[in-house]
């Protein structure tokens, strides 16, 4: 028997996307994401370098979403409980 795959980011019960992390790896990724966003505020202050701030945060968010996509449950619309699909 093959062991069941443990997703870093399980799907939300309602809606589309992922919920809070389900493993320590997911929590590490989420913590790194928050730390990088905070660092971007220090490195590129929004009032002094708005373009760097926006571009930096877009790259950080894209990397976070890509990580969720690769290590999380496949995204689809969910209605809660037993799915109707």
C-alpha atoms as a PDB file:
ATOM      1  CA  UNK A   1       0.000   0.000   0.000  1.00  0.00           C
ATOM      2  CA  UNK A   2       1.177   3.495  -0.763  1.00  0.00           C
ATOM      3  CA  UNK A   3       0.970   6.021   2.053  1.00  0.00           C
ATOM      4  CA  UNK A   4      -1.523   8.837   1.598  1.00  0.00           C
ATOM      5  CA  UNK A   5       0.095  12.078   0.478  1.00  0.00           C
ATOM      6  CA  UNK A   6       0.160  14.751   3.183  1.00  0.00           C
ATOM      7  CA  UNK A   7      -0.569  18.149   1.642  1.00  0.00           C
ATOM      8  CA  UNK A   8       1.237  21.155   3.071  1.00  0.00           C
ATOM      9  CA  UNK A   9      -1.822  23.306   2.376  1.00  0.00           C
ATOM     10  CA  UNK A  10      -5.196  21.523   2.583  1.00  0.00           C
ATOM     11  CA  UNK A  11      -8.141  22.901   0.646  1.00  0.00           C
ATOM     12  CA  UNK A  12     -10.634  25.223   2.274  1.00  0.00           C
ATOM     13  CA  UNK A  13     -13.968  23.660   3.184  1.00  0.00           C
ATOM     14  CA  UNK A  14     -15.936  26.398   1.385  1.00  0.00           C
ATOM     15  CA  UNK A  15     -14.849  28.266  -1.721  1.00  0.00           C
ATOM     16  CA  UNK A  16     -11.722  27.981  -3.841  1.00  0.00           C
ATOM     17  CA  UNK A  17      -8.157  27.836  -2.588  1.00  0.00           C
ATOM     18  CA  UNK A  18      -6.226  26.691   0.439  1.00  0.00           C
ATOM     19  CA  UNK A  19      -6.669  27.073   4.170  1.00  0.00           C
ATOM     20  CA  UNK A  20      -4.105  27.230   6.933  1.00  0.00           C
ATOM     21  CA  UNK A  21      -1.097  24.903   6.614  1.00  0.00           C
ATOM     22  CA  UNK A  22      -1.466  21.312   7.722  1.00  0.00           C
ATOM     23  CA  UNK A  23       2.233  20.474   8.166  1.00  0.00           C
ATOM     24  CA  UNK A  24       5.312  22.088   9.664  1.00  0.00           C
ATOM     25  CA  UNK A  25       6.625  22.674   6.137  1.00  0.00           C
ATOM     26  CA  UNK A  26       3.521  24.678   5.307  1.00  0.00           C
ATOM     27  CA  UNK A  27       3.867  26.732   8.472  1.00  0.00           C
ATOM     28  CA  UNK A  28       7.515  27.395   7.583  1.00  0.00           C
ATOM     29  CA  UNK A  29       6.523  28.615   4.113  1.00  0.00           C
ATOM     30  CA  UNK A  30       3.760  30.834   5.545  1.00  0.00           C
ATOM     31  CA  UNK A  31       6.149  32.294   8.140  1.00  0.00           C
ATOM     32  CA  UNK A  32       8.750  32.983   5.444  1.00  0.00           C
ATOM     33  CA  UNK A  33       6.091  34.691   3.305  1.00  0.00           C
ATOM     34  CA  UNK A  34       5.040  36.995   6.159  1.00  0.00           C
ATOM     35  CA  UNK A  35       8.687  37.736   7.020  1.00  0.00           C
ATOM     36  CA  UNK A  36       9.469  38.617   3.387  1.00  0.00           C
ATOM     37  CA  UNK A  37       6.471  40.950   3.159  1.00  0.00           C
ATOM     38  CA  UNK A  38       7.589  42.712   6.350  1.00  0.00           C
ATOM     39  CA  UNK A  39      11.155  42.915   5.009  1.00  0.00           C
ATOM     40  CA  UNK A  40       9.891  44.446   1.773  1.00  0.00           C
ATOM     41  CA  UNK A  41       8.311  47.276   3.775  1.00  0.00           C
ATOM     42  CA  UNK A  42      11.699  47.985   5.373  1.00  0.00           C
ATOM     43  CA  UNK A  43      13.750  47.608   2.175  1.00  0.00           C
ATOM     44  CA  UNK A  44      11.286  49.410  -0.132  1.00  0.00           C
ATOM     45  CA  UNK A  45       9.235  51.838   1.959  1.00  0.00           C
ATOM     46  CA  UNK A  46       5.914  52.294   0.111  1.00  0.00           C
ATOM     47  CA  UNK A  47       6.088  56.095   0.302  1.00  0.00           C
ATOM     48  CA  UNK A  48       9.682  56.296  -0.955  1.00  0.00           C
ATOM     49  CA  UNK A  49       9.889  53.403  -3.439  1.00  0.00           C
ATOM     50  CA  UNK A  50       6.336  52.451  -4.432  1.00  0.00           C
ATOM     51  CA  UNK A  51       7.370  50.632  -7.612  1.00  0.00           C
ATOM     52  CA  UNK A  52       9.937  48.475  -5.796  1.00  0.00           C
ATOM     53  CA  UNK A  53       7.443  47.781  -3.031  1.00  0.00           C
ATOM     54  CA  UNK A  54       4.693  46.673  -5.438  1.00  0.00           C
ATOM     55  CA  UNK A  55       6.998  44.617  -7.673  1.00  0.00           C
ATOM     56  CA  UNK A  56       8.701  42.977  -4.710  1.00  0.00           C
ATOM     57  CA  UNK A  57       5.406  42.005  -3.106  1.00  0.00           C
ATOM     58  CA  UNK A  58       4.044  40.702  -6.425  1.00  0.00           C
ATOM     59  CA  UNK A  59       7.083  38.421  -6.745  1.00  0.00           C
ATOM     60  CA  UNK A  60       6.782  37.271  -3.138  1.00  0.00           C
ATOM     61  CA  UNK A  61       3.052  36.555  -3.549  1.00  0.00           C
ATOM     62  CA  UNK A  62       3.621  34.720  -6.858  1.00  0.00           C
ATOM     63  CA  UNK A  63       6.234  32.487  -5.215  1.00  0.00           C
ATOM     64  CA  UNK A  64       3.866  31.801  -2.303  1.00  0.00           C
ATOM     65  CA  UNK A  65       0.929  30.916  -4.581  1.00  0.00           C
ATOM     66  CA  UNK A  66       3.192  28.680  -6.703  1.00  0.00           C
ATOM     67  CA  UNK A  67       4.326  26.860  -3.559  1.00  0.00           C
ATOM     68  CA  UNK A  68       0.704  26.396  -2.449  1.00  0.00           C
ATOM     69  CA  UNK A  69      -0.208  25.126  -5.927  1.00  0.00           C
ATOM     70  CA  UNK A  70       2.646  22.591  -5.994  1.00  0.00           C
ATOM     71  CA  UNK A  71       2.377  21.342  -2.406  1.00  0.00           C
ATOM     72  CA  UNK A  72      -1.311  21.861  -1.643  1.00  0.00           C
ATOM     73  CA  UNK A  73      -4.494  20.002  -2.400  1.00  0.00           C
ATOM     74  CA  UNK A  74      -5.676  20.522  -5.985  1.00  0.00           C
ATOM     75  CA  UNK A  75      -7.792  23.691  -5.993  1.00  0.00           C
ATOM     76  CA  UNK A  76     -11.453  23.553  -6.987  1.00  0.00           C
ATOM     77  CA  UNK A  77     -14.687  25.047  -5.775  1.00  0.00           C
ATOM     78  CA  UNK A  78     -15.927  23.366  -2.585  1.00  0.00           C
ATOM     79  CA  UNK A  79     -19.334  23.582  -0.919  1.00  0.00           C
ATOM     80  CA  UNK A  80     -18.399  22.153   2.465  1.00  0.00           C
ATOM     81  CA  UNK A  81     -18.865  18.669   3.839  1.00  0.00           C
ATOM     82  CA  UNK A  82     -19.516  16.191   1.084  1.00  0.00           C
ATOM     83  CA  UNK A  83     -18.918  17.774  -2.324  1.00  0.00           C
ATOM     84  CA  UNK A  84     -21.754  17.748  -4.809  1.00  0.00           C
ATOM     85  CA  UNK A  85     -19.449  16.934  -7.760  1.00  0.00           C
END
